[in-house]
Protein backbone atom coordinates (compact mmCIF):
# COMPACT_ATOMS: atom_id res chain seq x y z
CA MET A 1 129.68 -165.08 84.51
CA HIS A 2 130.39 -162.66 81.69
CA MET A 3 131.91 -159.78 83.59
CA PRO A 4 132.81 -158.29 86.97
CA VAL A 5 130.58 -155.29 87.63
CA ARG A 6 132.69 -152.42 88.88
CA ALA A 7 131.74 -150.50 92.01
CA ALA A 8 132.61 -147.25 90.23
CA ILE A 9 132.41 -146.83 86.50
CA VAL A 10 133.35 -143.46 85.03
CA ALA A 11 132.72 -139.84 85.93
CA ALA A 12 129.00 -139.11 86.10
CA ALA A 13 127.22 -136.15 84.56
CA PHE A 14 123.88 -134.77 85.69
CA PHE A 15 121.28 -134.42 83.00
CA THR A 16 117.61 -133.80 82.48
CA PRO A 17 116.06 -136.34 80.08
CA GLY A 18 114.85 -135.03 76.73
CA PHE A 19 111.33 -133.69 76.46
CA ALA A 20 110.43 -135.23 73.12
CA GLN A 21 110.64 -138.61 71.46
CA THR A 22 114.04 -139.14 69.84
CA PRO A 23 113.92 -140.67 66.34
CA GLY A 24 116.64 -142.55 64.56
CA ALA A 25 119.12 -145.24 65.57
CA ALA A 26 122.76 -146.24 65.45
CA TYR A 27 123.43 -149.91 64.76
CA PRO A 28 126.20 -152.27 63.57
CA THR A 29 126.06 -153.71 60.06
CA ALA A 30 128.18 -155.56 57.54
CA LYS A 31 130.07 -153.47 54.98
CA THR A 32 127.13 -153.98 52.63
CA GLY A 33 124.90 -152.12 55.09
CA ASP A 34 122.94 -155.29 55.84
CA PRO A 35 122.09 -156.21 59.45
CA VAL A 36 123.88 -159.30 60.79
CA HIS A 37 121.98 -162.02 62.66
CA GLY A 38 122.37 -161.58 66.39
CA ASN A 39 124.75 -158.63 65.78
CA GLN A 40 127.46 -161.31 65.66
CA PHE A 41 130.53 -160.68 63.50
CA ALA A 42 133.41 -162.97 62.58
CA GLN A 43 136.19 -160.41 63.09
CA ASP A 44 136.81 -156.79 64.02
CA VAL A 45 137.16 -155.56 60.44
CA ASP A 46 133.68 -156.80 59.59
CA VAL A 47 131.84 -154.35 61.88
CA TYR A 48 130.46 -151.11 60.40
CA LEU A 49 128.34 -148.32 61.87
CA ALA A 50 125.05 -147.32 60.25
CA GLY A 51 122.84 -144.46 61.37
CA GLY A 52 119.33 -143.65 60.27
CA PRO A 53 115.78 -144.99 60.63
CA GLY A 54 117.00 -148.31 62.06
CA PRO A 55 117.68 -151.80 60.68
CA LEU A 56 114.01 -152.88 60.81
CA ALA A 57 112.44 -149.57 59.71
CA SER A 58 111.62 -148.41 56.21
CA CYS A 59 113.56 -145.56 54.68
CA ALA A 60 110.43 -143.41 55.04
CA ALA A 61 110.64 -143.73 58.84
CA PRO A 62 112.18 -140.85 60.83
CA GLY A 63 115.95 -140.85 60.80
CA LEU A 64 118.53 -139.05 62.91
CA PRO A 65 118.49 -135.26 63.30
CA ASP A 66 120.91 -133.74 60.80
CA GLY A 67 124.28 -132.55 62.06
CA HIS A 68 127.76 -133.66 63.07
CA TYR A 69 128.19 -136.71 65.32
CA TYR A 70 130.98 -138.59 67.11
CA PHE A 71 131.04 -142.36 67.54
CA GLN A 72 132.88 -144.63 69.95
CA VAL A 73 133.22 -148.28 70.91
CA THR A 74 133.17 -149.34 74.57
CA ASP A 75 132.66 -152.47 76.62
CA PRO A 76 128.94 -153.27 77.23
CA THR A 77 128.77 -151.31 80.50
CA GLY A 78 130.28 -148.19 78.92
CA ALA A 79 133.00 -148.28 81.56
CA MET A 80 135.97 -148.80 79.23
CA LEU A 81 136.66 -146.82 76.07
CA LEU A 82 137.91 -149.23 73.42
CA SER A 83 138.19 -146.94 70.38
CA THR A 84 141.90 -146.23 69.97
CA ASP A 85 141.98 -143.27 67.60
CA THR A 86 141.20 -139.67 68.52
CA ILE A 87 137.68 -138.33 68.85
CA GLY A 88 138.26 -136.08 65.83
CA GLU A 89 138.86 -139.13 63.66
CA ARG A 90 135.47 -140.51 64.71
CA GLU A 91 133.28 -137.75 63.32
CA VAL A 92 130.49 -138.28 60.80
CA VAL A 93 127.88 -136.02 59.21
CA VAL A 94 124.17 -136.87 59.15
CA THR A 95 122.24 -135.41 56.23
CA GLY A 96 118.66 -136.30 55.38
CA GLY A 97 118.43 -138.45 58.50
CA VAL A 98 121.30 -140.83 57.61
CA ILE A 99 125.08 -140.90 57.91
CA ALA A 100 126.21 -139.24 54.69
CA GLN A 101 129.92 -138.56 55.30
CA HIS A 102 132.92 -139.50 57.42
CA VAL A 103 134.77 -136.27 58.09
CA THR A 104 138.40 -137.38 58.41
CA GLY A 105 140.62 -140.26 59.48
CA SER A 106 141.35 -143.80 58.37
CA HIS A 107 137.94 -145.43 58.82
CA VAL A 108 136.80 -147.31 55.70
CA VAL A 109 133.45 -146.15 54.25
CA PHE A 110 130.95 -148.06 52.07
CA ASP A 111 127.49 -147.37 50.71
CA GLY A 112 124.70 -148.27 53.14
CA PRO A 113 120.89 -148.38 53.39
CA CYS A 114 118.59 -145.47 52.52
CA GLY A 115 121.31 -143.65 50.55
CA SER A 116 123.63 -143.59 53.58
CA LYS A 117 127.24 -144.45 54.22
CA VAL A 118 128.42 -147.10 56.67
CA VAL A 119 131.68 -146.50 58.53
CA GLN A 120 134.07 -149.20 59.70
CA LEU A 121 134.43 -149.11 63.50
CA MET A 122 138.05 -150.26 63.56
CA PRO A 123 140.38 -149.41 65.18
CA PHE A 124 139.22 -150.57 68.61
CA ALA A 125 140.82 -152.67 71.34
CA ALA A 126 139.60 -156.05 72.55
CA THR A 127 136.71 -155.97 75.02
CA PRO A 128 137.36 -157.25 78.56
CA PHE A 129 133.88 -158.80 78.48
CA VAL A 130 133.95 -162.59 78.32
CA GLY A 131 131.98 -163.39 75.18
CA ASN A 132 133.59 -160.59 73.16
CA GLU A 133 130.71 -158.13 73.45
CA TYR A 134 130.96 -154.42 72.63
CA THR A 135 128.75 -151.32 72.59
CA VAL A 136 128.78 -148.73 69.80
CA TRP A 137 127.72 -145.15 70.58
CA LEU A 138 126.69 -142.23 68.38
CA THR A 139 126.23 -138.75 69.85
CA PRO A 140 125.95 -135.18 68.47
CA VAL A 141 129.22 -133.26 68.50
CA GLY A 142 127.53 -130.46 70.45
CA ALA A 143 126.53 -132.87 73.22
CA TYR A 144 130.02 -134.32 73.65
CA ASP A 145 131.79 -133.26 76.86
CA PRO A 146 135.58 -132.80 76.48
CA GLN A 147 135.82 -133.24 80.26
CA LEU A 148 134.76 -136.84 79.61
CA THR A 149 131.82 -136.94 82.01
CA GLY A 150 129.11 -139.53 81.48
CA PHE A 151 130.49 -142.31 79.30
CA HIS A 152 133.84 -140.87 78.13
CA GLY A 153 132.12 -137.62 77.16
CA PHE A 154 129.04 -139.27 75.66
CA GLN A 155 125.79 -138.57 77.54
CA SER A 156 122.93 -141.08 77.50
CA PRO A 157 120.17 -138.51 76.73
CA SER A 158 121.94 -137.53 73.51
CA SER A 159 123.31 -140.89 72.37
CA ARG A 160 122.09 -143.87 70.40
CA THR A 161 123.66 -147.21 71.26
CA ASP A 162 123.68 -150.84 70.19
CA ASN A 163 125.68 -153.94 71.08
CA PHE A 164 127.58 -156.42 68.95
CA LYS A 165 129.87 -159.43 69.34
CA VAL A 166 133.04 -160.36 67.49
CA ASP A 167 133.45 -164.15 67.67
CA ARG A 168 133.23 -166.48 64.69
CA THR A 169 133.09 -169.54 66.97
CA ALA A 170 130.32 -168.40 69.33
CA PRO A 171 126.82 -169.93 69.11
CA LEU A 172 124.07 -167.98 67.43
CA GLN A 173 123.08 -164.93 69.44
CA SER A 174 119.82 -163.54 70.79
CA VAL A 175 119.52 -159.77 70.89
CA ILE A 176 117.56 -158.88 74.04
CA THR A 177 116.10 -155.38 73.91
CA GLY A 178 113.69 -153.43 76.08
CA SER A 179 113.13 -149.92 77.34
CA ALA A 180 112.69 -147.61 80.30
CA PHE A 181 110.02 -144.92 80.14
CA PHE A 182 108.37 -142.23 82.24
CA ASP A 183 104.89 -143.53 83.00
CA HIS A 184 103.26 -140.13 83.30
CA ASN A 185 99.69 -141.43 83.54
CA GLU A 186 100.76 -144.31 85.80
CA ASP A 187 98.98 -147.03 83.83
CA GLY A 188 102.00 -149.30 83.28
CA VAL A 189 101.92 -148.86 79.48
CA TRP A 190 104.19 -146.70 77.32
CA ASN A 191 101.75 -144.73 75.17
CA PRO A 192 103.43 -141.50 73.97
CA GLY A 193 100.87 -141.19 71.19
CA ILE A 194 98.22 -140.62 73.85
CA ASP A 195 100.29 -138.78 76.44
CA ALA A 196 103.19 -136.67 75.13
CA ALA A 197 104.73 -136.63 78.63
CA GLU A 198 105.38 -140.39 78.39
CA LEU A 199 109.09 -139.95 77.62
CA PRO A 200 111.98 -142.37 77.32
CA ILE A 201 114.27 -142.40 80.35
CA PRO A 202 117.88 -142.42 79.15
CA GLY A 203 120.79 -143.42 81.38
CA TRP A 204 118.62 -145.92 83.31
CA ARG A 205 120.56 -148.87 84.75
CA VAL A 206 119.35 -152.31 83.64
CA GLU A 207 120.96 -155.56 84.76
CA ILE A 208 120.89 -159.14 83.48
CA LEU A 209 121.20 -162.11 85.84
CA ARG A 210 121.53 -165.84 85.41
CA ASN A 211 120.49 -168.09 88.28
CA GLY A 212 120.43 -165.03 90.52
CA VAL A 213 124.02 -164.01 89.69
CA LEU A 214 124.68 -160.62 88.08
CA ASP A 215 125.95 -161.20 84.55
CA GLY A 216 125.93 -157.76 82.92
CA VAL A 217 124.88 -154.11 83.06
CA SER A 218 123.45 -151.81 80.43
CA TYR A 219 122.32 -148.17 80.45
CA THR A 220 119.46 -146.97 78.28
CA ASP A 221 120.19 -144.57 75.44
CA ALA A 222 118.33 -141.49 74.22
CA THR A 223 115.44 -143.64 72.99
CA GLY A 224 115.15 -145.38 76.39
CA ARG A 225 116.50 -148.60 74.85
CA TYR A 226 118.76 -151.17 76.50
CA VAL A 227 120.34 -154.21 74.85
CA PHE A 228 122.06 -157.45 75.86
CA LEU A 229 123.50 -160.19 73.64
CA ARG A 230 123.41 -163.78 74.89
CA ASP A 231 123.80 -167.22 73.31
CA ARG A 232 120.63 -168.43 71.61
CA ASP A 233 120.42 -171.63 73.63
CA ASP A 234 116.98 -171.49 75.30
CA SER A 235 118.48 -170.25 78.55
CA SER A 236 116.45 -168.21 81.05
CA TRP A 237 117.70 -164.78 82.08
CA THR A 238 116.34 -162.27 84.55
CA ILE A 239 116.26 -158.64 83.43
CA ARG A 240 115.88 -156.12 86.27
CA GLU A 241 115.97 -152.37 86.64
CA ILE A 242 117.88 -150.35 89.23
CA ALA A 243 116.63 -146.84 90.00
CA PRO A 244 119.09 -143.98 90.62
CA GLY A 245 119.08 -143.56 94.39
CA GLY A 246 116.86 -146.62 94.81
CA PHE A 247 113.12 -147.21 94.74
CA VAL A 248 110.65 -145.83 97.26
CA GLY A 249 109.78 -148.57 99.72
CA ASP A 250 113.20 -150.24 99.66
CA GLY A 251 114.41 -148.48 102.80
CA VAL A 252 116.76 -146.10 100.96
CA SER A 253 116.72 -142.55 102.28
CA GLY A 254 116.18 -140.03 99.51
CA ALA A 255 114.67 -142.53 97.06
CA ILE A 256 112.12 -140.79 94.81
CA TRP A 257 111.37 -143.36 92.09
CA VAL A 258 108.30 -145.61 92.03
CA ALA A 259 107.94 -148.49 89.57
CA LYS A 260 104.58 -148.78 87.81
CA THR A 261 105.51 -152.06 86.13
CA PRO A 262 107.26 -155.17 87.53
CA ARG A 263 110.89 -154.38 88.32
CA SER A 264 112.18 -157.63 86.82
CA ALA A 265 111.13 -160.25 84.31
CA VAL A 266 112.46 -163.52 82.89
CA VAL A 267 113.30 -163.86 79.20
CA VAL A 268 114.35 -166.92 77.23
CA THR A 269 117.03 -166.69 74.53
CA ASN A 270 115.26 -168.75 71.90
CA ASP A 271 115.14 -166.38 68.91
CA ASP A 272 117.19 -163.80 67.00
CA ASN A 273 115.34 -160.97 68.73
CA VAL A 274 113.96 -161.34 72.26
CA ASP A 275 111.70 -158.75 73.86
CA GLY A 276 112.89 -157.68 77.28
CA PRO A 277 110.57 -155.90 79.71
CA ALA A 278 109.56 -152.26 79.33
CA PHE A 279 110.17 -150.61 82.69
CA GLY A 280 107.69 -147.83 83.51
CA ASN A 281 108.57 -145.48 86.35
CA ILE A 282 107.59 -142.14 87.84
CA SER A 283 109.62 -139.81 90.03
CA PHE A 284 108.48 -137.72 92.98
CA GLU A 285 109.36 -134.33 94.43
CA VAL A 286 108.18 -132.28 97.39
CA LYS A 287 104.99 -130.31 96.74
CA PRO A 288 105.02 -127.38 99.19
CA GLY A 289 102.07 -125.48 100.63
CA LEU A 290 99.28 -127.89 99.71
CA GLY A 291 97.91 -129.10 103.03
CA ARG A 292 94.92 -127.54 104.72
CA SER A 293 94.06 -127.96 108.40
CA LYS A 294 90.85 -129.54 109.65
CA GLY A 295 89.62 -126.02 110.41
CA PHE A 296 89.75 -125.21 106.68
CA TRP A 297 87.24 -127.95 105.94
CA HIS A 298 85.02 -126.54 108.70
CA ASN A 299 84.96 -123.01 107.31
CA GLN A 300 83.42 -121.44 104.21
CA ASN A 301 86.39 -122.07 101.89
CA GLY A 302 86.37 -125.79 102.57
CA ARG A 303 82.60 -125.87 102.51
CA ALA A 304 82.56 -124.37 99.02
CA ILE A 305 84.91 -127.07 97.74
CA LEU A 306 82.89 -129.89 99.27
CA ALA A 307 79.67 -128.44 97.84
CA GLN A 308 81.15 -129.09 94.39
CA HIS A 309 81.85 -132.72 95.30
CA ASP A 310 78.67 -133.74 97.04
CA PRO A 311 77.89 -136.48 97.94
CA GLN A 312 81.28 -137.96 96.95
CA TRP A 313 83.03 -136.42 99.97
CA ARG A 314 80.56 -138.14 102.30
CA THR A 315 81.43 -141.54 100.81
CA ALA A 316 85.16 -140.75 100.97
CA LEU A 317 84.91 -140.35 104.75
CA THR A 318 83.09 -143.65 105.15
CA THR A 319 84.74 -146.29 102.97
CA ARG A 320 87.98 -146.44 101.02
CA ALA A 321 88.90 -149.17 98.58
CA ASP A 322 87.86 -152.39 100.36
CA TYR A 323 87.89 -151.26 103.98
CA THR A 324 85.87 -149.00 106.28
CA LEU A 325 87.47 -145.94 107.88
CA ASN A 326 85.68 -146.18 111.25
CA LEU A 327 86.12 -142.50 112.06
CA ARG A 328 85.40 -141.95 115.76
CA ARG A 329 83.34 -139.44 117.70
CA PRO A 330 84.78 -137.86 120.89
CA ILE A 331 82.87 -140.37 123.00
CA VAL A 332 84.67 -142.57 125.51
CA SER A 333 83.04 -145.89 124.80
CA THR A 334 83.71 -149.37 123.47
CA ASP A 335 80.35 -149.40 121.68
CA PRO A 336 80.90 -148.64 117.97
CA ALA A 337 77.19 -148.01 117.51
CA VAL A 338 77.50 -144.76 119.43
CA SER A 339 81.13 -143.83 118.83
CA ILE A 340 81.60 -144.21 115.04
CA PHE A 341 81.10 -141.01 112.99
CA ARG A 342 79.77 -141.10 109.46
CA PRO A 343 78.65 -138.07 107.43
CA LEU A 344 74.90 -137.91 106.93
CA PRO A 345 74.09 -139.74 103.68
CA PRO A 346 71.52 -138.65 101.12
CA PRO A 347 68.64 -137.84 101.25
CA ALA A 348 70.05 -135.49 103.90
CA THR A 349 70.91 -132.21 102.18
CA PHE A 350 74.46 -131.00 101.71
CA ASP A 351 73.85 -128.17 104.17
CA ALA A 352 72.73 -130.60 106.86
CA ALA A 353 75.55 -133.04 106.17
CA HIS A 354 78.24 -130.37 106.20
CA ALA A 355 76.92 -128.75 109.38
CA ASP A 356 77.01 -132.11 111.15
CA PHE A 357 80.52 -132.82 109.81
CA ALA A 358 81.81 -129.33 110.68
CA GLU A 359 80.65 -129.66 114.27
CA TRP A 360 82.38 -133.05 114.54
CA ILE A 361 85.75 -132.24 112.97
CA VAL A 362 86.50 -129.28 115.27
CA SER A 363 85.12 -130.79 118.47
CA ASP A 364 87.29 -130.13 121.52
CA PRO A 365 89.92 -132.92 121.51
CA THR A 366 90.42 -132.55 125.25
CA LEU A 367 86.92 -133.96 125.70
CA GLY A 368 87.63 -137.04 123.62
CA HIS A 369 90.20 -139.77 123.12
CA ALA A 370 93.20 -140.35 120.86
CA GLY A 371 91.01 -142.21 118.37
CA PHE A 372 88.91 -139.09 117.81
CA ILE A 373 91.96 -136.86 117.39
CA LEU A 374 93.34 -139.27 114.79
CA SER A 375 89.93 -139.44 113.06
CA SER A 376 89.67 -135.67 112.63
CA GLN A 377 93.23 -135.35 111.24
CA LEU A 378 92.71 -138.38 109.00
CA ALA A 379 89.45 -136.90 107.65
CA ALA A 380 91.19 -133.62 106.82
CA SER A 381 94.00 -135.46 105.00
CA ILE A 382 91.53 -137.48 102.94
CA LEU A 383 89.65 -134.35 101.94
CA ASN A 384 92.94 -132.66 101.07
CA HIS A 385 93.88 -135.57 98.84
CA ASP A 386 90.55 -136.34 97.21
CA PHE A 387 89.06 -132.86 96.81
CA GLY A 388 91.68 -130.30 97.81
CA PHE A 389 95.10 -129.40 96.46
CA MET A 390 96.61 -132.89 96.56
CA GLN A 391 94.60 -134.64 93.87
CA PHE A 392 97.46 -136.79 92.65
CA THR A 393 99.46 -139.79 93.85
CA ILE A 394 100.96 -138.84 97.23
CA TYR A 395 103.97 -140.11 99.11
CA VAL A 396 104.79 -138.73 102.54
CA ASP A 397 108.11 -138.16 104.30
CA VAL A 398 106.52 -139.17 107.58
CA HIS A 399 109.57 -139.03 109.83
CA HIS A 400 111.50 -136.30 107.97
CA ASP A 401 114.20 -138.86 107.14
CA GLY A 402 113.84 -139.12 103.38
CA LEU A 403 111.96 -142.44 103.54
CA LEU A 404 108.71 -141.94 101.65
CA GLN A 405 105.55 -143.85 102.44
CA SER A 406 102.41 -144.22 100.36
CA PHE A 407 99.48 -142.07 101.47
CA GLU A 408 97.07 -144.93 100.88
CA GLU A 409 99.14 -147.23 103.09
CA LEU A 410 99.10 -144.62 105.85
CA VAL A 411 95.32 -144.29 105.57
CA GLU A 412 94.82 -148.06 105.65
CA HIS A 413 97.04 -148.33 108.73
CA ALA A 414 95.08 -145.58 110.49
CA ALA A 415 91.79 -147.29 109.61
CA GLY A 416 93.16 -150.46 111.17
CA LEU A 417 93.91 -148.60 114.41
CA LEU A 418 90.43 -147.07 114.43
CA SER A 419 88.87 -150.52 114.09
CA SER A 420 90.25 -151.59 117.47
CA PRO A 421 87.47 -152.42 120.01
CA THR A 422 89.30 -150.37 122.66
CA VAL A 423 90.11 -147.29 120.56
CA GLY A 424 87.32 -145.44 122.38
CA LEU A 425 89.20 -145.88 125.67
CA THR A 426 92.42 -144.14 124.56
CA VAL A 427 92.19 -141.35 127.13
CA PRO A 428 94.74 -140.75 129.89
CA GLY A 429 94.19 -143.46 132.47
CA GLY A 430 91.96 -145.47 130.14
CA GLY A 431 94.05 -148.57 130.59
CA VAL A 432 95.28 -148.78 126.98
CA ASP A 433 98.33 -146.56 127.19
CA GLU A 434 100.36 -148.47 124.61
CA GLU A 435 97.53 -148.24 122.08
CA ARG A 436 97.13 -144.53 122.85
CA GLU A 437 100.86 -143.94 122.29
CA HIS A 438 100.73 -145.77 118.96
CA ILE A 439 97.77 -143.71 117.82
CA PHE A 440 99.55 -140.46 118.66
CA TYR A 441 102.42 -141.41 116.36
CA CYS A 442 99.82 -141.78 113.62
CA ILE A 443 98.17 -138.46 114.55
CA ASN A 444 101.50 -136.70 114.03
CA GLU A 445 101.78 -138.21 110.55
CA PHE A 446 98.45 -136.81 109.33
CA SER A 447 98.91 -133.55 111.19
CA GLY A 448 102.16 -133.10 109.25
CA ILE A 449 100.31 -133.60 105.96
CA ASN A 450 97.61 -131.10 106.88
CA ASN A 451 100.02 -128.50 108.26
CA SER A 452 102.14 -128.53 105.10
CA GLY A 453 99.98 -125.66 103.87
CA ASP A 454 102.04 -123.51 106.23
CA LEU A 455 105.41 -123.01 104.53
CA ALA A 456 107.01 -122.40 107.92
CA GLN A 457 106.24 -126.04 108.77
CA PRO A 458 108.18 -129.07 107.46
CA GLN A 459 107.06 -130.00 103.96
CA VAL A 460 106.31 -133.71 103.88
CA VAL A 461 104.01 -134.17 100.87
CA PHE A 462 105.59 -135.53 97.68
CA GLY A 463 103.85 -135.77 94.32
CA PRO A 464 104.83 -136.87 90.79
CA THR A 465 107.22 -134.75 88.75
CA PRO A 466 105.86 -133.56 85.37
CA ARG A 467 108.84 -135.16 83.61
CA PRO A 468 111.59 -137.58 84.64
CA LYS A 469 113.65 -136.22 87.53
CA ALA A 470 117.24 -135.40 86.61
CA PHE A 471 119.85 -137.91 87.77
CA ALA A 472 123.46 -138.85 87.16
CA SER A 473 124.46 -141.67 84.83
CA PRO A 474 126.22 -144.04 85.07
CA TYR A 475 125.29 -144.79 88.66
CA VAL A 476 125.43 -147.59 91.21
CA LEU A 477 123.67 -148.00 94.54
């Protein structure tokens, strides 16, 4: 076990992640400006800070934005500030994309790569982390908070970070790196060259475990990058992500994050550089005023929309993914041959199909059973989602308790209820009172979705945010 993970770390600051890719890097080097294998140094005085395109990039690659920066050394979690001189003595100037000057103080400076200077990180105190691991930070002076929020005044969205070890006796090290990104198109791949909204997510909590035991914590920097150093001994480690406020589906009220990639992966420390997982996530927020009632799809406005999507809307009300909807007519019967409703398929004209559908969806519910009432609300919700104003991934706050549920899971559950042989008997006194009661819970769910078009009603429909939702970092659950 490398470290105890603290329940509280340092004061948190709210931020909104940057809206563009962030070039450049900060990284530890030898005084010659050369990278060191495994970021492993023999002693404190050997560690220097370089800033620019990055240790593996050519000098023609994008460097850091020009300006004044502060640097600091902390433990790997960012919880403990280890730099011992004042912030003013840790100021450098970036010119032409590289560190070109150390402003003032006692830090030793040497020539570095790409016409830059490298700055000695000493003085800094010993890390409390077993294994002698540290994190170096570089952040613009204008982004530094004198109130010391975030990580001692350094904010993840503005900072570049890297880790290093000081231990001449330790085994060779593997540098494990990965990223967290906003998966705007929800395909599980970070492709900012195709979709400019695929942004890094800074401040994201990433943990490393060995044999199921937490062994360390890292927070992503402005480039979405996290890093861990571990002995290069062919050991297996689990890297997992922790969402701010939790993930949807984990039973955490208020959770708004959904993972589009696996939330953990195993890596093996068998090389200098080991690729950790890239964690793709999207965040959700309430989308008010989008629902339309079943009457809307009966009238001319709904009809005009469906006319543009014919015959696709007919198929949508029949099958979904790999199951059948089994929408029910208001007929009290156990015979599905007479009680199941399906829109008229081609070659029936759109006019004929819509007229038949319109008559069905607004039939008098008092003449039917609970299965029909559910069917009509379910049909309206599907049309809202597939052809109306909800044509995006939907999560629903079904019980108004902050616990979001997938729209598709709700639809599949409703289809399962409608497949019951006795659903056509769910009238008062029909002998299936428990089934009727269960169906009415489901009716309320879809009614809530459809009634969200009325802003006076509770708003239960959540859709993806256009960019990563703001959150506080560091954070713990």
